[in-house]
Amino acid sequence: MSLGYISWSVATVTFILFFSDGLFTPYIPMPVQYALSALLVGFTLWLPTHNKSATRLIINNETLTVKHIPFGEKHYPLTDVIGVANIAKMTFLMTKQGSETLACRIPTKYSYAIHSWLLPFLNK
């Protein structure tokens, strides 16, 4: 996890829980404040986890399946897949429908390896 995300979530929880007595209590009840802070921390920690989660590429029956473990999968026809691009330390799968994040902060040689693995299937 990034230290920036963790410190931001700890600072937010500290502010909401310890300084809420005088600021937000007349407007928002305490149980709602606790629930909002838990949702805020959960979303803050989920975002980098989703970007750094393992991704599997599977080709079956002229369809490319992108599985973000454990978040689900998306299916793309091979005719819509353009290739793989490495932009700003993020590796993206480029399709005619848009782009899909494959990995975050992997070395460039691995994004080239993904592209070279995918390239023979795209030239059919």
N, C-alpha and C. Protein backbone atom coordinates (compact mmCIF):
# COMPACT_ATOMS: atom_id res chain seq x y z
N MET A 1 0.84 -1.19 0.00
CA MET A 1 0.00 0.00 0.00
C MET A 1 0.88 1.25 0.00
N SER A 2 0.38 2.26 -0.56
CA SER A 2 1.10 3.51 -0.58
C SER A 2 0.97 4.20 0.78
N LEU A 3 2.05 4.73 1.26
CA LEU A 3 2.04 5.41 2.55
C LEU A 3 1.16 6.65 2.51
N GLY A 4 1.05 7.28 1.37
CA GLY A 4 0.18 8.46 1.24
C GLY A 4 -1.29 8.13 1.44
N TYR A 5 -1.74 7.01 0.86
CA TYR A 5 -3.14 6.61 1.04
C TYR A 5 -3.43 6.27 2.49
N ILE A 6 -2.53 5.55 3.11
CA ILE A 6 -2.75 5.14 4.50
C ILE A 6 -2.74 6.35 5.42
N SER A 7 -1.80 7.26 5.25
CA SER A 7 -1.75 8.44 6.13
C SER A 7 -2.95 9.34 5.90
N TRP A 8 -3.42 9.45 4.65
CA TRP A 8 -4.60 10.27 4.39
C TRP A 8 -5.83 9.68 5.06
N SER A 9 -5.98 8.36 5.00
CA SER A 9 -7.15 7.73 5.63
C SER A 9 -7.07 7.83 7.14
N VAL A 10 -5.90 7.69 7.73
CA VAL A 10 -5.76 7.84 9.19
C VAL A 10 -6.05 9.27 9.61
N ALA A 11 -5.59 10.25 8.86
CA ALA A 11 -5.88 11.64 9.20
C ALA A 11 -7.37 11.94 9.09
N THR A 12 -8.02 11.39 8.08
CA THR A 12 -9.47 11.60 7.93
C THR A 12 -10.24 10.98 9.07
N VAL A 13 -9.90 9.76 9.44
CA VAL A 13 -10.58 9.10 10.56
C VAL A 13 -10.33 9.86 11.85
N THR A 14 -9.12 10.32 12.07
CA THR A 14 -8.82 11.08 13.28
C THR A 14 -9.64 12.36 13.33
N PHE A 15 -9.73 13.04 12.23
CA PHE A 15 -10.52 14.27 12.19
C PHE A 15 -11.99 13.99 12.47
N ILE A 16 -12.54 12.99 11.79
CA ILE A 16 -13.97 12.72 11.94
C ILE A 16 -14.31 12.21 13.33
N LEU A 17 -13.49 11.33 13.87
CA LEU A 17 -13.84 10.72 15.15
C LEU A 17 -13.52 11.60 16.36
N PHE A 18 -12.39 12.27 16.36
CA PHE A 18 -11.97 12.99 17.56
C PHE A 18 -12.38 14.46 17.56
N PHE A 19 -12.55 15.06 16.40
CA PHE A 19 -12.93 16.46 16.37
C PHE A 19 -14.40 16.67 16.02
N SER A 20 -15.15 15.59 15.95
CA SER A 20 -16.55 15.71 15.54
C SER A 20 -17.47 16.17 16.66
N ASP A 21 -17.04 16.11 17.90
CA ASP A 21 -17.91 16.50 19.01
C ASP A 21 -18.39 17.93 18.88
N GLY A 22 -17.49 18.82 18.53
CA GLY A 22 -17.88 20.22 18.47
C GLY A 22 -18.29 20.68 17.09
N LEU A 23 -17.92 19.96 16.04
CA LEU A 23 -18.16 20.46 14.69
C LEU A 23 -19.41 19.89 14.03
N PHE A 24 -19.53 18.57 14.00
CA PHE A 24 -20.59 17.96 13.20
C PHE A 24 -21.72 17.36 14.01
N THR A 25 -21.60 17.28 15.32
CA THR A 25 -22.61 16.61 16.14
C THR A 25 -23.99 17.22 16.00
N PRO A 26 -24.16 18.53 15.94
CA PRO A 26 -25.52 19.05 15.79
C PRO A 26 -26.15 18.71 14.44
N TYR A 27 -25.34 18.43 13.44
CA TYR A 27 -25.85 18.23 12.10
C TYR A 27 -25.97 16.76 11.71
N ILE A 28 -24.98 15.96 12.09
CA ILE A 28 -24.94 14.55 11.71
C ILE A 28 -24.79 13.72 12.98
N PRO A 29 -25.67 12.74 13.22
CA PRO A 29 -25.54 11.90 14.42
C PRO A 29 -24.24 11.08 14.39
N MET A 30 -23.76 10.72 15.57
CA MET A 30 -22.48 10.00 15.68
C MET A 30 -22.47 8.67 14.94
N PRO A 31 -23.52 7.83 15.02
CA PRO A 31 -23.45 6.56 14.26
C PRO A 31 -23.30 6.79 12.75
N VAL A 32 -23.92 7.81 12.23
CA VAL A 32 -23.79 8.11 10.80
C VAL A 32 -22.36 8.58 10.50
N GLN A 33 -21.76 9.35 11.41
CA GLN A 33 -20.38 9.78 11.22
C GLN A 33 -19.43 8.59 11.21
N TYR A 34 -19.66 7.63 12.11
CA TYR A 34 -18.82 6.43 12.13
C TYR A 34 -18.97 5.64 10.83
N ALA A 35 -20.20 5.52 10.34
CA ALA A 35 -20.43 4.78 9.10
C ALA A 35 -19.77 5.48 7.91
N LEU A 36 -19.89 6.81 7.86
CA LEU A 36 -19.26 7.56 6.77
C LEU A 36 -17.74 7.45 6.81
N SER A 37 -17.17 7.50 7.99
CA SER A 37 -15.71 7.39 8.08
C SER A 37 -15.26 5.99 7.68
N ALA A 38 -16.03 4.95 8.05
CA ALA A 38 -15.66 3.59 7.65
C ALA A 38 -15.75 3.45 6.13
N LEU A 39 -16.78 4.01 5.50
CA LEU A 39 -16.89 3.97 4.04
C LEU A 39 -15.76 4.74 3.36
N LEU A 40 -15.40 5.87 3.91
CA LEU A 40 -14.33 6.68 3.35
C LEU A 40 -13.00 5.95 3.41
N VAL A 41 -12.71 5.35 4.56
CA VAL A 41 -11.46 4.60 4.69
C VAL A 41 -11.48 3.37 3.79
N GLY A 42 -12.60 2.69 3.72
CA GLY A 42 -12.69 1.51 2.85
C GLY A 42 -12.47 1.85 1.40
N PHE A 43 -13.07 2.93 0.91
CA PHE A 43 -12.87 3.34 -0.48
C PHE A 43 -11.43 3.77 -0.72
N THR A 44 -10.85 4.48 0.25
CA THR A 44 -9.47 4.94 0.11
C THR A 44 -8.50 3.77 0.02
N LEU A 45 -8.74 2.71 0.75
CA LEU A 45 -7.86 1.56 0.70
C LEU A 45 -8.21 0.61 -0.45
N TRP A 46 -9.45 0.66 -0.96
CA TRP A 46 -9.84 -0.21 -2.06
C TRP A 46 -9.23 0.24 -3.38
N LEU A 47 -9.12 1.53 -3.59
CA LEU A 47 -8.66 2.05 -4.87
C LEU A 47 -7.26 1.57 -5.25
N PRO A 48 -6.24 1.71 -4.39
CA PRO A 48 -4.93 1.18 -4.81
C PRO A 48 -4.89 -0.34 -4.85
N THR A 49 -5.73 -0.99 -4.06
CA THR A 49 -5.79 -2.45 -4.10
C THR A 49 -6.32 -2.92 -5.44
N HIS A 50 -7.32 -2.22 -5.96
CA HIS A 50 -7.88 -2.59 -7.27
C HIS A 50 -6.86 -2.39 -8.38
N ASN A 51 -6.09 -1.31 -8.31
CA ASN A 51 -5.08 -1.06 -9.35
C ASN A 51 -3.92 -2.03 -9.28
N LYS A 52 -3.59 -2.51 -8.08
CA LYS A 52 -2.43 -3.39 -7.92
C LYS A 52 -2.80 -4.85 -7.81
N SER A 53 -4.06 -5.20 -8.04
CA SER A 53 -4.47 -6.59 -7.93
C SER A 53 -3.98 -7.38 -9.14
N ALA A 54 -3.92 -8.69 -8.99
CA ALA A 54 -3.43 -9.55 -10.06
C ALA A 54 -4.44 -9.55 -11.21
N THR A 55 -3.92 -9.56 -12.42
CA THR A 55 -4.75 -9.57 -13.62
C THR A 55 -4.34 -10.74 -14.49
N ARG A 56 -5.33 -11.49 -14.97
CA ARG A 56 -5.06 -12.62 -15.85
C ARG A 56 -5.70 -12.36 -17.20
N LEU A 57 -4.97 -12.68 -18.25
CA LEU A 57 -5.47 -12.57 -19.62
C LEU A 57 -5.66 -13.98 -20.18
N ILE A 58 -6.88 -14.27 -20.66
CA ILE A 58 -7.19 -15.59 -21.19
C ILE A 58 -7.85 -15.39 -22.56
N ILE A 59 -7.41 -16.18 -23.54
CA ILE A 59 -8.00 -16.12 -24.87
C ILE A 59 -8.73 -17.43 -25.14
N ASN A 60 -10.04 -17.33 -25.37
CA ASN A 60 -10.88 -18.48 -25.70
C ASN A 60 -11.87 -18.07 -26.78
N ASN A 61 -11.92 -18.85 -27.86
CA ASN A 61 -12.93 -18.66 -28.90
C ASN A 61 -12.99 -17.23 -29.42
N GLU A 62 -11.85 -16.69 -29.81
CA GLU A 62 -11.77 -15.33 -30.37
C GLU A 62 -12.26 -14.26 -29.40
N THR A 63 -12.15 -14.53 -28.10
CA THR A 63 -12.53 -13.57 -27.07
C THR A 63 -11.40 -13.46 -26.06
N LEU A 64 -11.03 -12.24 -25.72
CA LEU A 64 -10.03 -11.99 -24.69
C LEU A 64 -10.77 -11.72 -23.37
N THR A 65 -10.44 -12.50 -22.34
CA THR A 65 -11.04 -12.33 -21.03
C THR A 65 -10.00 -11.71 -20.12
N VAL A 66 -10.36 -10.60 -19.49
CA VAL A 66 -9.49 -9.92 -18.53
C VAL A 66 -10.08 -10.14 -17.15
N LYS A 67 -9.35 -10.89 -16.30
CA LYS A 67 -9.82 -11.18 -14.95
C LYS A 67 -9.01 -10.36 -13.95
N HIS A 68 -9.69 -9.48 -13.23
CA HIS A 68 -9.07 -8.78 -12.11
C HIS A 68 -9.40 -9.58 -10.86
N ILE A 69 -8.42 -10.28 -10.34
CA ILE A 69 -8.66 -11.13 -9.17
C ILE A 69 -8.72 -10.24 -7.95
N PRO A 70 -9.69 -10.26 -7.12
CA PRO A 70 -10.95 -11.01 -7.07
C PRO A 70 -12.14 -10.19 -7.52
N PHE A 71 -11.98 -9.20 -8.38
CA PHE A 71 -13.02 -8.23 -8.66
C PHE A 71 -13.94 -8.57 -9.82
N GLY A 72 -13.65 -9.55 -10.61
CA GLY A 72 -14.53 -9.89 -11.72
C GLY A 72 -13.77 -9.98 -13.03
N GLU A 73 -14.53 -10.08 -14.10
CA GLU A 73 -13.90 -10.25 -15.41
C GLU A 73 -14.69 -9.50 -16.47
N LYS A 74 -13.98 -9.16 -17.55
CA LYS A 74 -14.59 -8.51 -18.71
C LYS A 74 -14.16 -9.27 -19.95
N HIS A 75 -15.04 -9.29 -20.95
CA HIS A 75 -14.78 -10.01 -22.19
C HIS A 75 -14.72 -9.02 -23.34
N TYR A 76 -13.69 -9.19 -24.20
CA TYR A 76 -13.52 -8.35 -25.37
C TYR A 76 -13.31 -9.24 -26.58
N PRO A 77 -13.99 -8.99 -27.70
CA PRO A 77 -13.68 -9.73 -28.93
C PRO A 77 -12.27 -9.34 -29.41
N LEU A 78 -11.55 -10.31 -29.94
CA LEU A 78 -10.18 -10.03 -30.39
C LEU A 78 -10.15 -9.01 -31.53
N THR A 79 -11.23 -8.87 -32.26
CA THR A 79 -11.26 -7.88 -33.33
C THR A 79 -11.29 -6.46 -32.78
N ASP A 80 -11.73 -6.29 -31.53
CA ASP A 80 -11.79 -4.96 -30.91
C ASP A 80 -10.51 -4.59 -30.16
N VAL A 81 -9.62 -5.56 -29.93
CA VAL A 81 -8.40 -5.31 -29.16
C VAL A 81 -7.34 -4.70 -30.06
N ILE A 82 -6.76 -3.58 -29.60
CA ILE A 82 -5.72 -2.90 -30.37
C ILE A 82 -4.33 -3.32 -29.90
N GLY A 83 -4.11 -3.34 -28.59
CA GLY A 83 -2.82 -3.73 -28.06
C GLY A 83 -2.68 -3.33 -26.61
N VAL A 84 -1.43 -3.28 -26.16
CA VAL A 84 -1.11 -2.93 -24.78
C VAL A 84 -0.20 -1.71 -24.80
N ALA A 85 -0.47 -0.76 -23.91
CA ALA A 85 0.33 0.46 -23.84
C ALA A 85 0.79 0.69 -22.40
N ASN A 86 1.98 1.21 -22.25
CA ASN A 86 2.52 1.54 -20.93
C ASN A 86 2.59 3.06 -20.85
N ILE A 87 1.69 3.66 -20.05
CA ILE A 87 1.59 5.11 -19.96
C ILE A 87 1.64 5.50 -18.49
N ALA A 88 2.60 6.36 -18.13
CA ALA A 88 2.71 6.91 -16.78
C ALA A 88 2.73 5.81 -15.72
N LYS A 89 3.57 4.81 -15.93
CA LYS A 89 3.76 3.69 -15.00
C LYS A 89 2.52 2.81 -14.84
N MET A 90 1.58 2.93 -15.75
CA MET A 90 0.39 2.08 -15.76
C MET A 90 0.36 1.34 -17.08
N THR A 91 0.00 0.06 -17.05
CA THR A 91 -0.11 -0.74 -18.26
C THR A 91 -1.59 -0.89 -18.59
N PHE A 92 -1.97 -0.50 -19.80
CA PHE A 92 -3.36 -0.50 -20.22
C PHE A 92 -3.56 -1.44 -21.40
N LEU A 93 -4.71 -2.09 -21.43
CA LEU A 93 -5.15 -2.83 -22.60
C LEU A 93 -5.99 -1.87 -23.43
N MET A 94 -5.58 -1.61 -24.65
CA MET A 94 -6.28 -0.67 -25.52
C MET A 94 -7.25 -1.43 -26.42
N THR A 95 -8.52 -1.02 -26.39
CA THR A 95 -9.54 -1.62 -27.23
C THR A 95 -10.30 -0.52 -27.96
N LYS A 96 -11.15 -0.90 -28.90
CA LYS A 96 -11.97 0.07 -29.59
C LYS A 96 -13.04 0.66 -28.67
N GLN A 97 -13.38 -0.06 -27.60
CA GLN A 97 -14.38 0.40 -26.64
C GLN A 97 -13.78 1.31 -25.57
N GLY A 98 -12.47 1.35 -25.44
CA GLY A 98 -11.81 2.16 -24.41
C GLY A 98 -10.56 1.45 -23.94
N SER A 99 -10.19 1.72 -22.70
CA SER A 99 -8.98 1.09 -22.16
C SER A 99 -9.31 0.41 -20.84
N GLU A 100 -8.48 -0.56 -20.49
CA GLU A 100 -8.64 -1.34 -19.27
C GLU A 100 -7.29 -1.37 -18.57
N THR A 101 -7.25 -1.08 -17.28
CA THR A 101 -6.01 -1.11 -16.53
C THR A 101 -5.60 -2.56 -16.29
N LEU A 102 -4.38 -2.91 -16.70
CA LEU A 102 -3.88 -4.26 -16.47
C LEU A 102 -2.98 -4.33 -15.26
N ALA A 103 -2.09 -3.37 -15.11
CA ALA A 103 -1.13 -3.42 -14.01
C ALA A 103 -0.66 -2.02 -13.68
N CYS A 104 -0.12 -1.90 -12.48
CA CYS A 104 0.39 -0.62 -12.00
C CYS A 104 1.85 -0.78 -11.61
N ARG A 105 2.69 0.06 -12.17
CA ARG A 105 4.11 0.12 -11.84
C ARG A 105 4.86 -1.19 -12.04
N ILE A 106 4.64 -1.83 -13.17
CA ILE A 106 5.47 -2.97 -13.52
C ILE A 106 6.55 -2.48 -14.46
N PRO A 107 7.68 -3.17 -14.53
CA PRO A 107 8.73 -2.75 -15.46
C PRO A 107 8.24 -2.77 -16.90
N THR A 108 8.80 -1.89 -17.70
CA THR A 108 8.39 -1.74 -19.10
C THR A 108 8.58 -3.04 -19.87
N LYS A 109 9.60 -3.81 -19.53
CA LYS A 109 9.84 -5.05 -20.28
C LYS A 109 8.67 -6.03 -20.12
N TYR A 110 7.97 -5.99 -18.99
CA TYR A 110 6.82 -6.89 -18.81
C TYR A 110 5.61 -6.43 -19.63
N SER A 111 5.42 -5.13 -19.76
CA SER A 111 4.32 -4.67 -20.62
C SER A 111 4.63 -4.99 -22.09
N TYR A 112 5.91 -4.93 -22.48
CA TYR A 112 6.28 -5.36 -23.83
C TYR A 112 6.05 -6.86 -23.99
N ALA A 113 6.31 -7.64 -22.94
CA ALA A 113 6.09 -9.08 -23.01
C ALA A 113 4.60 -9.39 -23.17
N ILE A 114 3.76 -8.65 -22.48
CA ILE A 114 2.31 -8.84 -22.61
C ILE A 114 1.89 -8.50 -24.04
N HIS A 115 2.41 -7.40 -24.58
CA HIS A 115 2.06 -6.99 -25.93
C HIS A 115 2.53 -8.01 -26.96
N SER A 116 3.75 -8.52 -26.79
CA SER A 116 4.27 -9.49 -27.76
C SER A 116 3.53 -10.82 -27.66
N TRP A 117 3.03 -11.17 -26.46
CA TRP A 117 2.22 -12.39 -26.32
C TRP A 117 0.87 -12.21 -27.01
N LEU A 118 0.31 -11.05 -26.93
CA LEU A 118 -1.01 -10.77 -27.48
C LEU A 118 -0.97 -10.54 -28.99
N LEU A 119 0.14 -10.07 -29.52
CA LEU A 119 0.24 -9.66 -30.92
C LEU A 119 -0.10 -10.77 -31.93
N PRO A 120 0.36 -12.02 -31.77
CA PRO A 120 -0.01 -13.04 -32.75
C PRO A 120 -1.52 -13.31 -32.84
N PHE A 121 -2.22 -13.13 -31.75
CA PHE A 121 -3.66 -13.34 -31.78
C PHE A 121 -4.39 -12.19 -32.47
N LEU A 122 -3.80 -11.01 -32.48
CA LEU A 122 -4.44 -9.85 -33.08
C LEU A 122 -4.26 -9.78 -34.59
N ASN A 123 -3.25 -10.42 -35.14
CA ASN A 123 -2.97 -10.35 -36.58
C ASN A 123 -3.77 -11.35 -37.41
N LYS A 124 -4.64 -12.13 -36.81
CA LYS A 124 -5.41 -13.12 -37.57
C LYS A 124 -6.44 -12.49 -38.47
